[in-house]
PDB file of N, CA and C in Angstrom:
ATOM      1  N   UNK A   1       0.831  -1.202   0.000  1.00  0.00           N
ATOM      2  CA  UNK A   1       0.000   0.000   0.000  1.00  0.00           C
ATOM      3  C   UNK A   1       0.865   1.251   0.000  1.00  0.00           C
ATOM      4  N   UNK A   2       1.925   1.247   0.787  1.00  0.00           N
ATOM      5  CA  UNK A   2       2.797   2.420   0.869  1.00  0.00           C
ATOM      6  C   UNK A   2       3.424   2.723  -0.492  1.00  0.00           C
ATOM      7  N   UNK A   3       3.853   1.704  -1.200  1.00  0.00           N
ATOM      8  CA  UNK A   3       4.453   1.893  -2.527  1.00  0.00           C
ATOM      9  C   UNK A   3       3.450   2.546  -3.467  1.00  0.00           C
ATOM     10  N   UNK A   4       2.213   2.096  -3.412  1.00  0.00           N
ATOM     11  CA  UNK A   4       1.174   2.643  -4.281  1.00  0.00           C
ATOM     12  C   UNK A   4       0.972   4.137  -4.025  1.00  0.00           C
ATOM     13  N   UNK A   5       0.957   4.542  -2.774  1.00  0.00           N
ATOM     14  CA  UNK A   5       0.753   5.948  -2.426  1.00  0.00           C
ATOM     15  C   UNK A   5       1.917   6.789  -2.938  1.00  0.00           C
ATOM     16  N   UNK A   6       3.142   6.323  -2.742  1.00  0.00           N
ATOM     17  CA  UNK A   6       4.324   7.049  -3.212  1.00  0.00           C
ATOM     18  C   UNK A   6       4.268   7.178  -4.730  1.00  0.00           C
ATOM     19  N   UNK A   7       3.919   6.100  -5.412  1.00  0.00           N
ATOM     20  CA  UNK A   7       3.827   6.130  -6.872  1.00  0.00           C
ATOM     21  C   UNK A   7       2.813   7.166  -7.329  1.00  0.00           C
ATOM     22  N   UNK A   8       1.662   7.205  -6.680  1.00  0.00           N
ATOM     23  CA  UNK A   8       0.619   8.155  -7.072  1.00  0.00           C
ATOM     24  C   UNK A   8       1.107   9.587  -6.913  1.00  0.00           C
ATOM     25  N   UNK A   9       1.802   9.871  -5.818  1.00  0.00           N
ATOM     26  CA  UNK A   9       2.326  11.221  -5.606  1.00  0.00           C
ATOM     27  C   UNK A   9       3.256  11.607  -6.747  1.00  0.00           C
ATOM     28  N   UNK A  10       4.152  10.702  -7.115  1.00  0.00           N
ATOM     29  CA  UNK A  10       5.086  10.985  -8.206  1.00  0.00           C
ATOM     30  C   UNK A  10       4.354  11.152  -9.526  1.00  0.00           C
ATOM     31  N   UNK A  11       3.394  10.290  -9.781  1.00  0.00           N
ATOM     32  CA  UNK A  11       2.639  10.373 -11.033  1.00  0.00           C
ATOM     33  C   UNK A  11       1.872  11.689 -11.101  1.00  0.00           C
ATOM     34  N   UNK A  12       1.272  12.084  -9.985  1.00  0.00           N
ATOM     35  CA  UNK A  12       0.528  13.346  -9.973  1.00  0.00           C
ATOM     36  C   UNK A  12       1.445  14.519 -10.288  1.00  0.00           C
ATOM     37  N   UNK A  13       2.653  14.525  -9.714  1.00  0.00           N
ATOM     38  CA  UNK A  13       3.606  15.602  -9.988  1.00  0.00           C
ATOM     39  C   UNK A  13       3.973  15.623 -11.466  1.00  0.00           C
ATOM     40  N   UNK A  14       4.200  14.442 -12.046  1.00  0.00           N
ATOM     41  CA  UNK A  14       4.528  14.364 -13.474  1.00  0.00           C
ATOM     42  C   UNK A  14       3.396  14.925 -14.319  1.00  0.00           C
ATOM     43  N   UNK A  15       2.163  14.574 -13.962  1.00  0.00           N
ATOM     44  CA  UNK A  15       1.005  15.053 -14.722  1.00  0.00           C
ATOM     45  C   UNK A  15       0.889  16.565 -14.605  1.00  0.00           C
ATOM     46  N   UNK A  16       1.082  17.086 -13.392  1.00  0.00           N
ATOM     47  CA  UNK A  16       0.997  18.539 -13.196  1.00  0.00           C
ATOM     48  C   UNK A  16       2.092  19.246 -13.991  1.00  0.00           C
ATOM     49  N   UNK A  17       3.317  18.721 -13.949  1.00  0.00           N
ATOM     50  CA  UNK A  17       4.420  19.323 -14.708  1.00  0.00           C
ATOM     51  C   UNK A  17       4.134  19.293 -16.203  1.00  0.00           C
ATOM     52  N   UNK A  18       3.608  18.162 -16.688  1.00  0.00           N
ATOM     53  CA  UNK A  18       3.276  18.049 -18.107  1.00  0.00           C
ATOM     54  C   UNK A  18       2.192  19.060 -18.472  1.00  0.00           C
ATOM     55  N   UNK A  19       1.163  19.158 -17.631  1.00  0.00           N
ATOM     56  CA  UNK A  19       0.061  20.093 -17.872  1.00  0.00           C
ATOM     57  C   UNK A  19       0.571  21.528 -17.901  1.00  0.00           C
ATOM     58  N   UNK A  20       1.419  21.890 -16.952  1.00  0.00           N
ATOM     59  CA  UNK A  20       1.946  23.252 -16.889  1.00  0.00           C
ATOM     60  C   UNK A  20       2.858  23.570 -18.068  1.00  0.00           C
ATOM     61  N   UNK A  21       3.450  22.557 -18.690  1.00  0.00           N
ATOM     62  CA  UNK A  21       4.353  22.792 -19.818  1.00  0.00           C
ATOM     63  C   UNK A  21       3.588  23.006 -21.128  1.00  0.00           C
ATOM     64  N   UNK A  22       2.290  22.693 -21.135  1.00  0.00           N
ATOM     65  CA  UNK A  22       1.500  22.872 -22.359  1.00  0.00           C
ATOM     66  C   UNK A  22       1.226  24.354 -22.601  1.00  0.00           C
ATOM     67  N   UNK A  23       1.155  24.753 -23.876  1.00  0.00           N
ATOM     68  CA  UNK A  23       0.725  26.124 -24.173  1.00  0.00           C
ATOM     69  C   UNK A  23      -0.716  26.332 -23.695  1.00  0.00           C
ATOM     70  N   UNK A  24      -1.050  27.552 -23.350  1.00  0.00           N
ATOM     71  CA  UNK A  24      -2.340  27.861 -22.709  1.00  0.00           C
ATOM     72  C   UNK A  24      -3.535  27.277 -23.470  1.00  0.00           C
ATOM     73  N   UNK A  25      -3.613  27.496 -24.777  1.00  0.00           N
ATOM     74  CA  UNK A  25      -4.762  27.047 -25.560  1.00  0.00           C
ATOM     75  C   UNK A  25      -4.838  25.542 -25.704  1.00  0.00           C
ATOM     76  N   UNK A  26      -3.711  24.881 -25.537  1.00  0.00           N
ATOM     77  CA  UNK A  26      -3.630  23.442 -25.742  1.00  0.00           C
ATOM     78  C   UNK A  26      -4.170  22.665 -24.551  1.00  0.00           C
ATOM     79  N   UNK A  27      -4.195  23.302 -23.381  1.00  0.00           N
ATOM     80  CA  UNK A  27      -4.517  22.577 -22.147  1.00  0.00           C
ATOM     81  C   UNK A  27      -5.920  21.991 -22.157  1.00  0.00           C
ATOM     82  N   UNK A  28      -6.914  22.816 -22.430  1.00  0.00           N
ATOM     83  CA  UNK A  28      -8.291  22.311 -22.378  1.00  0.00           C
ATOM     84  C   UNK A  28      -8.502  21.245 -23.446  1.00  0.00           C
ATOM     85  N   UNK A  29      -7.857  21.433 -24.589  1.00  0.00           N
ATOM     86  CA  UNK A  29      -7.967  20.459 -25.667  1.00  0.00           C
ATOM     87  C   UNK A  29      -7.389  19.109 -25.246  1.00  0.00           C
ATOM     88  N   UNK A  30      -6.213  19.129 -24.625  1.00  0.00           N
ATOM     89  CA  UNK A  30      -5.583  17.882 -24.175  1.00  0.00           C
ATOM     90  C   UNK A  30      -6.462  17.175 -23.152  1.00  0.00           C
ATOM     91  N   UNK A  31      -7.010  17.939 -22.214  1.00  0.00           N
ATOM     92  CA  UNK A  31      -7.848  17.338 -21.170  1.00  0.00           C
ATOM     93  C   UNK A  31      -9.091  16.712 -21.791  1.00  0.00           C
ATOM     94  N   UNK A  32      -9.706  17.406 -22.753  1.00  0.00           N
ATOM     95  CA  UNK A  32     -10.883  16.849 -23.430  1.00  0.00           C
ATOM     96  C   UNK A  32     -10.536  15.539 -24.117  1.00  0.00           C
ATOM     97  N   UNK A  33      -9.403  15.491 -24.808  1.00  0.00           N
ATOM     98  CA  UNK A  33      -9.000  14.274 -25.517  1.00  0.00           C
ATOM     99  C   UNK A  33      -8.784  13.122 -24.541  1.00  0.00           C
ATOM    100  N   UNK A  34      -8.128  13.419 -23.413  1.00  0.00           N
ATOM    101  CA  UNK A  34      -7.854  12.373 -22.420  1.00  0.00           C
ATOM    102  C   UNK A  34      -9.157  11.861 -21.817  1.00  0.00           C
ATOM    103  N   UNK A  35     -10.064  12.777 -21.497  1.00  0.00           N
ATOM    104  CA  UNK A  35     -11.350  12.360 -20.929  1.00  0.00           C
ATOM    105  C   UNK A  35     -12.136  11.515 -21.923  1.00  0.00           C
ATOM    106  N   UNK A  36     -12.149  11.916 -23.195  1.00  0.00           N
ATOM    107  CA  UNK A  36     -12.855  11.129 -24.215  1.00  0.00           C
ATOM    108  C   UNK A  36     -12.287   9.720 -24.281  1.00  0.00           C
ATOM    109  N   UNK A  37     -10.952   9.612 -24.293  1.00  0.00           N
ATOM    110  CA  UNK A  37     -10.312   8.305 -24.372  1.00  0.00           C
ATOM    111  C   UNK A  37     -10.664   7.469 -23.146  1.00  0.00           C
ATOM    112  N   UNK A  38     -10.618   8.094 -21.962  1.00  0.00           N
ATOM    113  CA  UNK A  38     -10.928   7.388 -20.714  1.00  0.00           C
ATOM    114  C   UNK A  38     -12.368   6.888 -20.725  1.00  0.00           C
ATOM    115  N   UNK A  39     -13.304   7.754 -21.119  1.00  0.00           N
ATOM    116  CA  UNK A  39     -14.720   7.381 -21.154  1.00  0.00           C
ATOM    117  C   UNK A  39     -14.932   6.234 -22.142  1.00  0.00           C
ATOM    118  N   UNK A  40     -14.271   6.313 -23.302  1.00  0.00           N
ATOM    119  CA  UNK A  40     -14.386   5.260 -24.308  1.00  0.00           C
ATOM    120  C   UNK A  40     -13.882   3.928 -23.744  1.00  0.00           C
ATOM    121  N   UNK A  41     -12.747   3.951 -23.049  1.00  0.00           N
ATOM    122  CA  UNK A  41     -12.201   2.721 -22.473  1.00  0.00           C
ATOM    123  C   UNK A  41     -13.132   2.149 -21.414  1.00  0.00           C
ATOM    124  N   UNK A  42     -13.743   3.003 -20.601  1.00  0.00           N
ATOM    125  CA  UNK A  42     -14.678   2.535 -19.580  1.00  0.00           C
ATOM    126  C   UNK A  42     -15.901   1.885 -20.227  1.00  0.00           C
ATOM    127  N   UNK A  43     -16.404   2.478 -21.303  1.00  0.00           N
ATOM    128  CA  UNK A  43     -17.554   1.890 -22.010  1.00  0.00           C
ATOM    129  C   UNK A  43     -17.200   0.514 -22.543  1.00  0.00           C
ATOM    130  N   UNK A  44     -15.999   0.389 -23.134  1.00  0.00           N
ATOM    131  CA  UNK A  44     -15.582  -0.894 -23.693  1.00  0.00           C
ATOM    132  C   UNK A  44     -15.458  -1.951 -22.602  1.00  0.00           C
ATOM    133  N   UNK A  45     -14.966  -1.567 -21.425  1.00  0.00           N
ATOM    134  CA  UNK A  45     -14.859  -2.513 -20.312  1.00  0.00           C
ATOM    135  C   UNK A  45     -16.238  -3.011 -19.906  1.00  0.00           C
ATOM    136  N   UNK A  46     -17.217  -2.090 -19.835  1.00  0.00           N
ATOM    137  CA  UNK A  46     -18.572  -2.472 -19.432  1.00  0.00           C
ATOM    138  C   UNK A  46     -19.206  -3.394 -20.465  1.00  0.00           C
ATOM    139  N   UNK A  47     -18.944  -3.128 -21.754  1.00  0.00           N
ATOM    140  CA  UNK A  47     -19.533  -3.953 -22.809  1.00  0.00           C
ATOM    141  C   UNK A  47     -18.974  -5.370 -22.785  1.00  0.00           C
ATOM    142  N   UNK A  48     -17.714  -5.527 -22.381  1.00  0.00           N
ATOM    143  CA  UNK A  48     -17.094  -6.854 -22.348  1.00  0.00           C
ATOM    144  C   UNK A  48     -17.669  -7.713 -21.232  1.00  0.00           C
ATOM    145  N   UNK A  49     -18.172  -7.074 -20.165  1.00  0.00           N
ATOM    146  CA  UNK A  49     -18.697  -7.836 -19.027  1.00  0.00           C
ATOM    147  C   UNK A  49     -19.990  -8.523 -19.357  1.00  0.00           C
TER     148      UNK A  49
END
């Protein structure tokens, strides 16, 4: 459990750094694309069950 928490902290920092490095107009677009992909993957998981 401890390893998982440490990993999440590091991953969150990486995501924040990546987000902050994006040009201003690109940020909302990137987030929309990621959310669409995530939602699509969740739908596919539900359909397989």
